[in-house]
Amino acid sequence: MKASHVRKLTKPIDSAYSEMFSGRVYRVGRGAVSVRNHSGKAEQTVIGVHGFLENHCYFTQAYESPNTELVLLTCSNYHIPVNGVNLEAPDWEVPIKHLEATIEYDACILNQALANLPSTNNIRVHGHSRGGAVVLEAAIQCPELFEHVDIVLEAPVLPKARLHALVTTLLEPVSHGMWPWLIRLINSAPSSAYGQTFFGKMNPRKKQLLAKMFSATQDHLTIVRNLENLMAWMERTDTDVFDNVRHGTFLIPQIDRILDRTAMLASARKSPTTMRIVETEAPSHFITLDSKEWIPGFEHLLATAQG
């Protein structure tokens, strides 16, 4: 990449979205892990991994139960979407050798959180979109951590899958130097201009979370690197990575205009029979925001934890 492009792309993007948060936030490398306070005795632990241009608030309303210990990743070089919290440096943090803003880097953040934070044995890791690839990559890096973990892969980026043709067509003519200009253009356009096409039927929570997507990262370089790495990961990763996951659910939307649904399903079908594939009626890529009803319950978690 040309030095002039890198300079343009590393200009900081201001944080544009945050919510009140009660809990602890740990800085891990170039990312973060937040642990929400829960009022009841924790019966299960959920670790949420957000998707491309999203933030950890994607999961907060889906897992509101007072007895759910909720651990939320902030991927590398993304803004941490919380107000008034002091960042802590955990004593369990280990340096990450991968390039930041890649699936491999964020998988290392996930594994450090998974190894050190859950206080229950009933653990679910829920990855949405790019977060699905982060979960699978984490299982490649440390398969032993996932032995008794329930995973939810929601509209996930999967091995040998691909972007939706609409997205590919839009991205093809975009050179590195055009990104800052393109994002300014998108941010100045009313979200209704593109929202319905890519985001499906809107509701208040979707509007709230998806309106500021292009301000989620700390710079434009992260957007470019996320995208290039994501496409390369899908191409080079083989479906035998599914051998590292034992229990869980693929949530497939009825309509997806971000990722290619057919390729997603074909990839998911290469997974072990212990993984369920649920074809939801969700009208968009953002299943959890469309309706919480699709998120699996915790009844089977106990059996998973006991192996």
C-alpha atoms as a PDB file:
ATOM      1  CA  MET A   1       0.000   0.000   0.000  1.00  0.00           C
ATOM      2  CA  LYS A   2       1.363   3.456  -0.907  1.00  0.00           C
ATOM      3  CA  ALA A   3       2.681   5.543   1.994  1.00  0.00           C
ATOM      4  CA  SER A   4       0.396   8.443   0.980  1.00  0.00           C
ATOM      5  CA  HIS A   5      -2.633   6.119   1.214  1.00  0.00           C
ATOM      6  CA  VAL A   6      -1.534   4.819   4.602  1.00  0.00           C
ATOM      7  CA  ARG A   7      -1.199   8.411   5.888  1.00  0.00           C
ATOM      8  CA  LYS A   8      -4.712   9.270   4.704  1.00  0.00           C
ATOM      9  CA  LEU A   9      -6.090   6.055   6.139  1.00  0.00           C
ATOM     10  CA  THR A  10      -4.499   6.419   9.588  1.00  0.00           C
ATOM     11  CA  LYS A  11      -6.123   9.793  10.280  1.00  0.00           C
ATOM     12  CA  PRO A  12      -8.180   9.204  13.456  1.00  0.00           C
ATOM     13  CA  ILE A  13     -11.950   8.720  13.284  1.00  0.00           C
ATOM     14  CA  ASP A  14     -13.793  10.154  16.303  1.00  0.00           C
ATOM     15  CA  SER A  15     -15.926   7.825  18.354  1.00  0.00           C
ATOM     16  CA  ALA A  16     -19.597   8.496  17.561  1.00  0.00           C
ATOM     17  CA  TYR A  17     -21.460   5.938  19.662  1.00  0.00           C
ATOM     18  CA  SER A  18     -21.438   4.824  23.265  1.00  0.00           C
ATOM     19  CA  GLU A  19     -23.834   3.544  25.908  1.00  0.00           C
ATOM     20  CA  MET A  20     -23.837   3.528  29.688  1.00  0.00           C
ATOM     21  CA  PHE A  21     -22.064   0.462  30.997  1.00  0.00           C
ATOM     22  CA  SER A  22     -21.742  -0.958  34.468  1.00  0.00           C
ATOM     23  CA  GLY A  23     -18.791  -3.324  34.798  1.00  0.00           C
ATOM     24  CA  ARG A  24     -15.065  -3.647  34.191  1.00  0.00           C
ATOM     25  CA  VAL A  25     -13.199  -2.981  30.967  1.00  0.00           C
ATOM     26  CA  TYR A  26      -9.817  -4.563  30.333  1.00  0.00           C
ATOM     27  CA  ARG A  27      -7.442  -3.323  27.665  1.00  0.00           C
ATOM     28  CA  VAL A  28      -6.029  -6.334  25.772  1.00  0.00           C
ATOM     29  CA  GLY A  29      -3.491  -5.411  23.114  1.00  0.00           C
ATOM     30  CA  ARG A  30      -5.144  -3.069  20.623  1.00  0.00           C
ATOM     31  CA  GLY A  31      -8.617  -4.263  21.658  1.00  0.00           C
ATOM     32  CA  ALA A  32     -10.591  -4.601  24.881  1.00  0.00           C
ATOM     33  CA  VAL A  33     -12.784  -6.969  26.860  1.00  0.00           C
ATOM     34  CA  SER A  34     -15.692  -5.694  28.949  1.00  0.00           C
ATOM     35  CA  VAL A  35     -17.360  -7.700  31.721  1.00  0.00           C
ATOM     36  CA  ARG A  36     -20.848  -6.495  32.603  1.00  0.00           C
ATOM     37  CA  ASN A  37     -21.992  -6.501  36.227  1.00  0.00           C
ATOM     38  CA  HIS A  38     -24.827  -8.962  36.839  1.00  0.00           C
ATOM     39  CA  SER A  39     -27.265  -8.701  39.723  1.00  0.00           C
ATOM     40  CA  GLY A  40     -28.041 -12.407  40.158  1.00  0.00           C
ATOM     41  CA  LYS A  41     -25.743 -15.382  40.723  1.00  0.00           C
ATOM     42  CA  ALA A  42     -24.129 -16.132  37.363  1.00  0.00           C
ATOM     43  CA  GLU A  43     -25.517 -19.362  35.913  1.00  0.00           C
ATOM     44  CA  GLN A  44     -23.954 -19.041  32.474  1.00  0.00           C
ATOM     45  CA  THR A  45     -21.264 -16.968  30.777  1.00  0.00           C
ATOM     46  CA  VAL A  46     -21.725 -15.512  27.299  1.00  0.00           C
ATOM     47  CA  ILE A  47     -18.797 -14.043  25.355  1.00  0.00           C
ATOM     48  CA  GLY A  48     -19.941 -11.871  22.441  1.00  0.00           C
ATOM     49  CA  VAL A  49     -17.760 -11.096  19.412  1.00  0.00           C
ATOM     50  CA  HIS A  50     -19.133  -8.278  17.254  1.00  0.00           C
ATOM     51  CA  GLY A  51     -19.000  -8.071  13.474  1.00  0.00           C
ATOM     52  CA  PHE A  52     -17.339  -5.751  10.944  1.00  0.00           C
ATOM     53  CA  LEU A  53     -18.076  -2.063  11.697  1.00  0.00           C
ATOM     54  CA  GLU A  54     -20.188  -3.000  14.732  1.00  0.00           C
ATOM     55  CA  ASN A  55     -19.542  -2.676  18.456  1.00  0.00           C
ATOM     56  CA  HIS A  56     -20.171  -4.824  21.505  1.00  0.00           C
ATOM     57  CA  CYS A  57     -23.581  -3.206  22.174  1.00  0.00           C
ATOM     58  CA  TYR A  58     -24.859  -5.583  19.476  1.00  0.00           C
ATOM     59  CA  PHE A  59     -25.297  -8.215  22.223  1.00  0.00           C
ATOM     60  CA  THR A  60     -26.332  -6.239  25.309  1.00  0.00           C
ATOM     61  CA  GLN A  61     -30.116  -6.419  24.838  1.00  0.00           C
ATOM     62  CA  ALA A  62     -30.016 -10.031  23.642  1.00  0.00           C
ATOM     63  CA  TYR A  63     -28.488 -11.219  26.930  1.00  0.00           C
ATOM     64  CA  GLU A  64     -30.189  -9.113  29.596  1.00  0.00           C
ATOM     65  CA  SER A  65     -30.822 -11.834  32.187  1.00  0.00           C
ATOM     66  CA  PRO A  66     -29.454 -10.912  35.660  1.00  0.00           C
ATOM     67  CA  ASN A  67     -27.874 -14.369  35.957  1.00  0.00           C
ATOM     68  CA  THR A  68     -25.953 -14.148  32.668  1.00  0.00           C
ATOM     69  CA  GLU A  69     -22.343 -13.118  32.995  1.00  0.00           C
ATOM     70  CA  LEU A  70     -21.795 -11.126  29.778  1.00  0.00           C
ATOM     71  CA  VAL A  71     -18.263 -10.672  28.442  1.00  0.00           C
ATOM     72  CA  LEU A  72     -17.957  -8.432  25.389  1.00  0.00           C
ATOM     73  CA  LEU A  73     -15.046  -8.144  22.979  1.00  0.00           C
ATOM     74  CA  THR A  74     -13.975  -4.918  21.317  1.00  0.00           C
ATOM     75  CA  CYS A  75     -11.939  -5.923  18.266  1.00  0.00           C
ATOM     76  CA  SER A  76      -8.522  -4.375  17.631  1.00  0.00           C
ATOM     77  CA  ASN A  77      -8.487  -0.698  16.643  1.00  0.00           C
ATOM     78  CA  TYR A  78     -12.221  -0.310  17.307  1.00  0.00           C
ATOM     79  CA  HIS A  79     -13.659   2.291  19.675  1.00  0.00           C
ATOM     80  CA  ILE A  80     -14.818   0.889  23.035  1.00  0.00           C
ATOM     81  CA  PRO A  81     -18.514   1.878  23.122  1.00  0.00           C
ATOM     82  CA  VAL A  82     -18.844   2.682  26.832  1.00  0.00           C
ATOM     83  CA  ASN A  83     -19.084   5.830  28.928  1.00  0.00           C
ATOM     84  CA  GLY A  84     -17.232   6.663  32.105  1.00  0.00           C
ATOM     85  CA  VAL A  85     -15.227   3.481  32.666  1.00  0.00           C
ATOM     86  CA  ASN A  86     -11.564   3.232  33.651  1.00  0.00           C
ATOM     87  CA  LEU A  87      -9.585   0.846  31.473  1.00  0.00           C
ATOM     88  CA  GLU A  88      -7.737  -1.795  33.489  1.00  0.00           C
ATOM     89  CA  ALA A  89      -4.559  -3.631  32.484  1.00  0.00           C
ATOM     90  CA  PRO A  90      -5.183  -7.304  33.364  1.00  0.00           C
ATOM     91  CA  ASP A  91      -2.340  -9.365  34.820  1.00  0.00           C
ATOM     92  CA  TRP A  92      -3.281 -12.247  32.480  1.00  0.00           C
ATOM     93  CA  GLU A  93      -2.698 -10.305  29.261  1.00  0.00           C
ATOM     94  CA  VAL A  94      -0.072 -11.764  26.930  1.00  0.00           C
ATOM     95  CA  PRO A  95       1.394  -9.963  23.877  1.00  0.00           C
ATOM     96  CA  ILE A  96      -0.231 -10.726  20.516  1.00  0.00           C
ATOM     97  CA  LYS A  97       2.110 -11.445  17.621  1.00  0.00           C
ATOM     98  CA  HIS A  98      -0.376 -11.162  14.742  1.00  0.00           C
ATOM     99  CA  LEU A  99      -1.044  -8.014  12.709  1.00  0.00           C
ATOM    100  CA  GLU A 100      -3.733  -5.896  14.383  1.00  0.00           C
ATOM    101  CA  ALA A 101      -7.142  -5.474  12.686  1.00  0.00           C
ATOM    102  CA  THR A 102      -7.016  -9.087  11.488  1.00  0.00           C
ATOM    103  CA  ILE A 103      -9.208 -12.066  12.382  1.00  0.00           C
ATOM    104  CA  GLU A 104      -6.091 -13.811  13.753  1.00  0.00           C
ATOM    105  CA  TYR A 105      -5.306 -10.908  16.130  1.00  0.00           C
ATOM    106  CA  ASP A 106      -8.862 -10.662  17.442  1.00  0.00           C
ATOM    107  CA  ALA A 107      -8.972 -14.448  17.947  1.00  0.00           C
ATOM    108  CA  CYS A 108      -6.051 -14.015  20.376  1.00  0.00           C
ATOM    109  CA  ILE A 109      -8.059 -11.423  22.351  1.00  0.00           C
ATOM    110  CA  LEU A 110     -10.987 -13.876  22.468  1.00  0.00           C
ATOM    111  CA  ASN A 111      -8.822 -16.747  23.708  1.00  0.00           C
ATOM    112  CA  GLN A 112      -7.327 -14.613  26.483  1.00  0.00           C
ATOM    113  CA  ALA A 113     -10.850 -13.646  27.595  1.00  0.00           C
ATOM    114  CA  LEU A 114     -12.096 -17.249  27.362  1.00  0.00           C
ATOM    115  CA  ALA A 115      -9.143 -18.607  29.338  1.00  0.00           C
ATOM    116  CA  ASN A 116      -9.328 -16.038  32.146  1.00  0.00           C
ATOM    117  CA  LEU A 117     -12.743 -14.446  32.640  1.00  0.00           C
ATOM    118  CA  PRO A 118     -15.677 -16.910  32.844  1.00  0.00           C
ATOM    119  CA  SER A 119     -16.742 -17.629  36.432  1.00  0.00           C
ATOM    120  CA  THR A 120     -19.163 -20.391  35.349  1.00  0.00           C
ATOM    121  CA  ASN A 121     -18.624 -23.694  33.517  1.00  0.00           C
ATOM    122  CA  ASN A 122     -21.623 -23.064  31.262  1.00  0.00           C
ATOM    123  CA  ILE A 123     -19.989 -21.043  28.518  1.00  0.00           C
ATOM    124  CA  ARG A 124     -21.329 -19.789  25.208  1.00  0.00           C
ATOM    125  CA  VAL A 125     -19.283 -17.856  22.636  1.00  0.00           C
ATOM    126  CA  HIS A 126     -21.534 -15.915  20.233  1.00  0.00           C
ATOM    127  CA  GLY A 127     -19.945 -14.439  17.105  1.00  0.00           C
ATOM    128  CA  HIS A 128     -21.819 -12.345  14.563  1.00  0.00           C
ATOM    129  CA  SER A 129     -20.646 -12.014  10.933  1.00  0.00           C
ATOM    130  CA  ARG A 130     -16.859 -11.350  11.026  1.00  0.00           C
ATOM    131  CA  GLY A 131     -17.112 -12.325  14.706  1.00  0.00           C
ATOM    132  CA  GLY A 132     -18.030 -15.844  13.546  1.00  0.00           C
ATOM    133  CA  ALA A 133     -14.677 -16.125  11.757  1.00  0.00           C
ATOM    134  CA  VAL A 134     -12.924 -14.789  14.880  1.00  0.00           C
ATOM    135  CA  VAL A 135     -14.554 -17.582  16.934  1.00  0.00           C
ATOM    136  CA  LEU A 136     -13.512 -20.290  14.443  1.00  0.00           C
ATOM    137  CA  GLU A 137      -9.968 -18.896  14.232  1.00  0.00           C
ATOM    138  CA  ALA A 138      -9.764 -18.859  18.049  1.00  0.00           C
ATOM    139  CA  ALA A 139     -10.766 -22.552  18.033  1.00  0.00           C
ATOM    140  CA  ILE A 140      -7.964 -23.255  15.515  1.00  0.00           C
ATOM    141  CA  GLN A 141      -5.446 -21.468  17.768  1.00  0.00           C
ATOM    142  CA  CYS A 142      -6.559 -23.091  21.060  1.00  0.00           C
ATOM    143  CA  PRO A 143      -8.886 -26.037  20.389  1.00  0.00           C
ATOM    144  CA  GLU A 144      -8.655 -27.200  24.019  1.00  0.00           C
ATOM    145  CA  LEU A 145     -10.461 -24.032  25.189  1.00  0.00           C
ATOM    146  CA  PHE A 146     -13.486 -24.921  23.064  1.00  0.00           C
ATOM    147  CA  GLU A 147     -13.841 -28.543  24.184  1.00  0.00           C
ATOM    148  CA  HIS A 148     -16.982 -27.870  26.265  1.00  0.00           C
ATOM    149  CA  VAL A 149     -18.032 -24.492  24.876  1.00  0.00           C
ATOM    150  CA  ASP A 150     -21.365 -23.880  23.141  1.00  0.00           C
ATOM    151  CA  ILE A 151     -20.887 -21.645  20.118  1.00  0.00           C
ATOM    152  CA  VAL A 152     -23.410 -19.543  18.237  1.00  0.00           C
ATOM    153  CA  LEU A 153     -22.322 -18.466  14.764  1.00  0.00           C
ATOM    154  CA  GLU A 154     -24.819 -15.848  13.587  1.00  0.00           C
ATOM    155  CA  ALA A 155     -24.846 -14.967   9.861  1.00  0.00           C
ATOM    156  CA  PRO A 156     -21.163 -15.882  10.069  1.00  0.00           C
ATOM    157  CA  VAL A 157     -18.137 -15.358   7.860  1.00  0.00           C
ATOM    158  CA  LEU A 158     -17.172 -18.985   7.141  1.00  0.00           C
ATOM    159  CA  PRO A 159     -14.411 -20.904   5.327  1.00  0.00           C
ATOM    160  CA  LYS A 160     -14.913 -21.043   1.552  1.00  0.00           C
ATOM    161  CA  ALA A 161     -17.846 -18.596   1.763  1.00  0.00           C
ATOM    162  CA  ARG A 162     -18.025 -15.161   0.117  1.00  0.00           C
ATOM    163  CA  LEU A 163     -19.462 -11.660   0.254  1.00  0.00           C
ATOM    164  CA  HIS A 164     -22.842 -10.948  -1.316  1.00  0.00           C
ATOM    165  CA  ALA A 165     -22.550 -10.022  -5.015  1.00  0.00           C
ATOM    166  CA  LEU A 166     -23.979  -6.540  -4.266  1.00  0.00           C
ATOM    167  CA  VAL A 167     -21.169  -5.817  -1.808  1.00  0.00           C
ATOM    168  CA  THR A 168     -18.499  -7.197  -4.133  1.00  0.00           C
ATOM    169  CA  THR A 169     -19.774  -5.000  -6.989  1.00  0.00           C
ATOM    170  CA  LEU A 170     -19.615  -1.927  -4.759  1.00  0.00           C
ATOM    171  CA  LEU A 171     -16.111  -2.699  -3.487  1.00  0.00           C
ATOM    172  CA  GLU A 172     -14.463  -3.624  -6.779  1.00  0.00           C
ATOM    173  CA  PRO A 173     -13.777  -0.085  -8.031  1.00  0.00           C
ATOM    174  CA  VAL A 174     -12.634   1.203  -4.610  1.00  0.00           C
ATOM    175  CA  SER A 175      -8.882   1.764  -4.330  1.00  0.00           C
ATOM    176  CA  HIS A 176      -7.176   2.342  -0.967  1.00  0.00           C
ATOM    177  CA  GLY A 177      -6.944   6.078  -1.531  1.00  0.00           C
ATOM    178  CA  MET A 178     -10.707   6.315  -2.116  1.00  0.00           C
ATOM    179  CA  TRP A 179     -11.751   4.939   1.278  1.00  0.00           C
ATOM    180  CA  PRO A 180     -11.716   8.180   3.321  1.00  0.00           C
ATOM    181  CA  TRP A 181     -13.665   9.930   0.560  1.00  0.00           C
ATOM    182  CA  LEU A 182     -16.143   7.063   0.198  1.00  0.00           C
ATOM    183  CA  ILE A 183     -16.802   6.902   3.950  1.00  0.00           C
ATOM    184  CA  ARG A 184     -17.390  10.658   4.149  1.00  0.00           C
ATOM    185  CA  LEU A 185     -19.893  10.237   1.315  1.00  0.00           C
ATOM    186  CA  ILE A 186     -21.678   7.350   3.082  1.00  0.00           C
ATOM    187  CA  ASN A 187     -21.749   9.246   6.390  1.00  0.00           C
ATOM    188  CA  SER A 188     -23.257  12.332   4.769  1.00  0.00           C
ATOM    189  CA  ALA A 189     -25.992  10.348   2.982  1.00  0.00           C
ATOM    190  CA  PRO A 190     -29.195   9.583   4.901  1.00  0.00           C
ATOM    191  CA  SER A 191     -29.015   5.962   6.023  1.00  0.00           C
ATOM    192  CA  SER A 192     -32.393   5.400   4.348  1.00  0.00           C
ATOM    193  CA  ALA A 193     -30.539   5.709   1.014  1.00  0.00           C
ATOM    194  CA  TYR A 194     -28.778   2.381   1.543  1.00  0.00           C
ATOM    195  CA  GLY A 195     -30.178   1.063   4.837  1.00  0.00           C
ATOM    196  CA  GLN A 196     -33.176  -0.862   3.539  1.00  0.00           C
ATOM    197  CA  THR A 197     -31.080  -2.624   0.871  1.00  0.00           C
ATOM    198  CA  PHE A 198     -28.363  -3.886   3.204  1.00  0.00           C
ATOM    199  CA  PHE A 199     -29.965  -3.760   6.660  1.00  0.00           C
ATOM    200  CA  GLY A 200     -33.491  -4.988   5.845  1.00  0.00           C
ATOM    201  CA  LYS A 201     -36.572  -3.787   7.706  1.00  0.00           C
ATOM    202  CA  MET A 202     -35.501  -1.271  10.337  1.00  0.00           C
ATOM    203  CA  ASN A 203     -36.507  -1.126  14.013  1.00  0.00           C
ATOM    204  CA  PRO A 204     -35.397   1.330  16.730  1.00  0.00           C
ATOM    205  CA  ARG A 205     -32.444  -0.784  17.973  1.00  0.00           C
ATOM    206  CA  LYS A 206     -31.153  -1.401  14.455  1.00  0.00           C
ATOM    207  CA  LYS A 207     -31.392   2.324  13.652  1.00  0.00           C
ATOM    208  CA  GLN A 208     -29.530   3.167  16.843  1.00  0.00           C
ATOM    209  CA  LEU A 209     -26.666   0.714  16.290  1.00  0.00           C
ATOM    210  CA  LEU A 210     -26.269   0.734  12.512  1.00  0.00           C
ATOM    211  CA  ALA A 211     -26.483   4.498  11.902  1.00  0.00           C
ATOM    212  CA  LYS A 212     -22.908   5.107  13.109  1.00  0.00           C
ATOM    213  CA  MET A 213     -21.231   2.039  11.614  1.00  0.00           C
ATOM    214  CA  PHE A 214     -18.520   3.918   9.760  1.00  0.00           C
ATOM    215  CA  SER A 215     -17.359   5.539  13.007  1.00  0.00           C
ATOM    216  CA  ALA A 216     -16.838   2.199  14.779  1.00  0.00           C
ATOM    217  CA  THR A 217     -13.112   1.935  13.998  1.00  0.00           C
ATOM    218  CA  GLN A 218     -10.339   4.256  15.163  1.00  0.00           C
ATOM    219  CA  ASP A 219      -9.144   4.862  11.591  1.00  0.00           C
ATOM    220  CA  HIS A 220      -9.890   4.006   7.955  1.00  0.00           C
ATOM    221  CA  LEU A 221      -6.902   1.669   7.704  1.00  0.00           C
ATOM    222  CA  THR A 222      -8.694  -0.735  10.078  1.00  0.00           C
ATOM    223  CA  ILE A 223     -11.707  -0.834   7.719  1.00  0.00           C
ATOM    224  CA  VAL A 224      -9.500  -1.650   4.719  1.00  0.00           C
ATOM    225  CA  ARG A 225      -7.426  -4.235   6.616  1.00  0.00           C
ATOM    226  CA  ASN A 226     -10.527  -5.880   8.135  1.00  0.00           C
ATOM    227  CA  LEU A 227     -12.059  -6.286   4.686  1.00  0.00           C
ATOM    228  CA  GLU A 228      -8.969  -7.533   2.873  1.00  0.00           C
ATOM    229  CA  ASN A 229      -8.120  -9.962   5.670  1.00  0.00           C
ATOM    230  CA  LEU A 230     -11.727 -11.212   5.876  1.00  0.00           C
ATOM    231  CA  MET A 231     -11.860 -12.016   2.151  1.00  0.00           C
ATOM    232  CA  ALA A 232      -8.434 -13.696   2.278  1.00  0.00           C
ATOM    233  CA  TRP A 233      -9.445 -15.703   5.393  1.00  0.00           C
ATOM    234  CA  MET A 234     -12.573 -17.081   3.695  1.00  0.00           C
ATOM    235  CA  GLU A 235     -10.535 -18.120   0.673  1.00  0.00           C
ATOM    236  CA  ARG A 236      -7.564 -19.750   2.414  1.00  0.00           C
ATOM    237  CA  THR A 237      -9.336 -21.389   5.390  1.00  0.00           C
ATOM    238  CA  ASP A 238     -10.571 -24.897   4.851  1.00  0.00           C
ATOM    239  CA  THR A 239     -13.821 -26.305   6.255  1.00  0.00           C
ATOM    240  CA  ASP A 240     -11.849 -28.815   8.341  1.00  0.00           C
ATOM    241  CA  VAL A 241     -11.617 -25.995  10.933  1.00  0.00           C
ATOM    242  CA  PHE A 242     -15.094 -27.135  11.988  1.00  0.00           C
ATOM    243  CA  ASP A 243     -13.421 -30.186  13.536  1.00  0.00           C
ATOM    244  CA  ASN A 244     -12.396 -27.871  16.403  1.00  0.00           C
ATOM    245  CA  VAL A 245     -15.982 -27.080  17.404  1.00  0.00           C
ATOM    246  CA  ARG A 246     -18.091 -29.604  19.245  1.00  0.00           C
ATOM    247  CA  HIS A 247     -21.405 -28.022  20.125  1.00  0.00           C
ATOM    248  CA  GLY A 248     -23.370 -25.122  18.800  1.00  0.00           C
ATOM    249  CA  THR A 249     -25.686 -23.476  16.342  1.00  0.00           C
ATOM    250  CA  PHE A 250     -25.406 -21.733  13.004  1.00  0.00           C
ATOM    251  CA  LEU A 251     -28.069 -19.031  12.682  1.00  0.00           C
ATOM    252  CA  ILE A 252     -28.737 -18.376   8.999  1.00  0.00           C
ATOM    253  CA  PRO A 253     -30.877 -15.388   7.936  1.00  0.00           C
ATOM    254  CA  GLN A 254     -33.682 -15.778   5.411  1.00  0.00           C
ATOM    255  CA  ILE A 255     -32.296 -12.790   3.480  1.00  0.00           C
ATOM    256  CA  ASP A 256     -28.670 -11.643   3.668  1.00  0.00           C
ATOM    257  CA  ARG A 257     -27.350  -8.848   1.471  1.00  0.00           C
ATOM    258  CA  ILE A 258     -23.950  -8.612   3.188  1.00  0.00           C
ATOM    259  CA  LEU A 259     -22.752 -12.221   2.846  1.00  0.00           C
ATOM    260  CA  ASP A 260     -23.725 -14.818   0.259  1.00  0.00           C
ATOM    261  CA  ARG A 261     -26.363 -16.950   1.998  1.00  0.00           C
ATOM    262  CA  THR A 262     -25.986 -19.962  -0.337  1.00  0.00           C
ATOM    263  CA  ALA A 263     -22.216 -20.142   0.203  1.00  0.00           C
ATOM    264  CA  MET A 264     -22.722 -19.679   3.969  1.00  0.00           C
ATOM    265  CA  LEU A 265     -25.132 -22.622   4.105  1.00  0.00           C
ATOM    266  CA  ALA A 266     -22.895 -24.824   1.951  1.00  0.00           C
ATOM    267  CA  SER A 267     -19.969 -24.161   4.298  1.00  0.00           C
ATOM    268  CA  ALA A 268     -22.044 -24.714   7.467  1.00  0.00           C
ATOM    269  CA  ARG A 269     -23.161 -28.096   6.114  1.00  0.00           C
ATOM    270  CA  LYS A 270     -19.533 -29.280   6.208  1.00  0.00           C
ATOM    271  CA  SER A 271     -19.566 -28.986  10.023  1.00  0.00           C
ATOM    272  CA  PRO A 272     -19.962 -31.955  12.417  1.00  0.00           C
ATOM    273  CA  THR A 273     -23.472 -33.268  12.993  1.00  0.00           C
ATOM    274  CA  THR A 274     -23.336 -31.998  16.581  1.00  0.00           C
ATOM    275  CA  MET A 275     -23.650 -28.454  15.168  1.00  0.00           C
ATOM    276  CA  ARG A 276     -27.249 -27.429  14.453  1.00  0.00           C
ATOM    277  CA  ILE A 277     -28.092 -25.332  11.406  1.00  0.00           C
ATOM    278  CA  VAL A 278     -31.114 -23.112  12.006  1.00  0.00           C
ATOM    279  CA  GLU A 279     -32.510 -21.349   8.953  1.00  0.00           C
ATOM    280  CA  THR A 280     -34.289 -18.432  10.605  1.00  0.00           C
ATOM    281  CA  GLU A 281     -36.929 -16.181   9.114  1.00  0.00           C
ATOM    282  CA  ALA A 282     -34.783 -13.127   9.904  1.00  0.00           C
ATOM    283  CA  PRO A 283     -35.125 -10.579   7.083  1.00  0.00           C
ATOM    284  CA  SER A 284     -31.491  -9.399   7.266  1.00  0.00           C
ATOM    285  CA  HIS A 285     -27.879 -10.143   8.148  1.00  0.00           C
ATOM    286  CA  PHE A 286     -28.534  -8.771  11.670  1.00  0.00           C
ATOM    287  CA  ILE A 287     -30.554 -11.646  13.106  1.00  0.00           C
ATOM    288  CA  THR A 288     -30.189 -10.712  16.791  1.00  0.00           C
ATOM    289  CA  LEU A 289     -31.331  -7.142  16.107  1.00  0.00           C
ATOM    290  CA  ASP A 290     -34.266  -8.358  14.005  1.00  0.00           C
ATOM    291  CA  SER A 291     -35.559 -10.570  16.827  1.00  0.00           C
ATOM    292  CA  LYS A 292     -34.110 -12.147  19.959  1.00  0.00           C
ATOM    293  CA  GLU A 293     -36.383 -15.171  19.442  1.00  0.00           C
ATOM    294  CA  TRP A 294     -33.774 -16.866  17.238  1.00  0.00           C
ATOM    295  CA  ILE A 295     -31.099 -16.976  19.922  1.00  0.00           C
ATOM    296  CA  PRO A 296     -30.923 -20.520  21.346  1.00  0.00           C
ATOM    297  CA  GLY A 297     -31.875 -20.966  25.009  1.00  0.00           C
ATOM    298  CA  PHE A 298     -29.447 -22.197  27.637  1.00  0.00           C
ATOM    299  CA  GLU A 299     -31.165 -25.523  28.444  1.00  0.00           C
ATOM    300  CA  HIS A 300     -28.543 -27.583  26.622  1.00  0.00           C
ATOM    301  CA  LEU A 301     -25.588 -25.644  28.054  1.00  0.00           C
ATOM    302  CA  LEU A 302     -25.352 -27.795  31.147  1.00  0.00           C
ATOM    303  CA  ALA A 303     -25.034 -30.962  29.070  1.00  0.00           C
ATOM    304  CA  THR A 304     -22.406 -29.228  26.916  1.00  0.00           C
ATOM    305  CA  ALA A 305     -20.413 -28.160  29.979  1.00  0.00           C
ATOM    306  CA  GLN A 306     -20.399 -31.730  31.253  1.00  0.00           C
ATOM    307  CA  GLY A 307     -19.216 -32.942  27.843  1.00  0.00           C
END
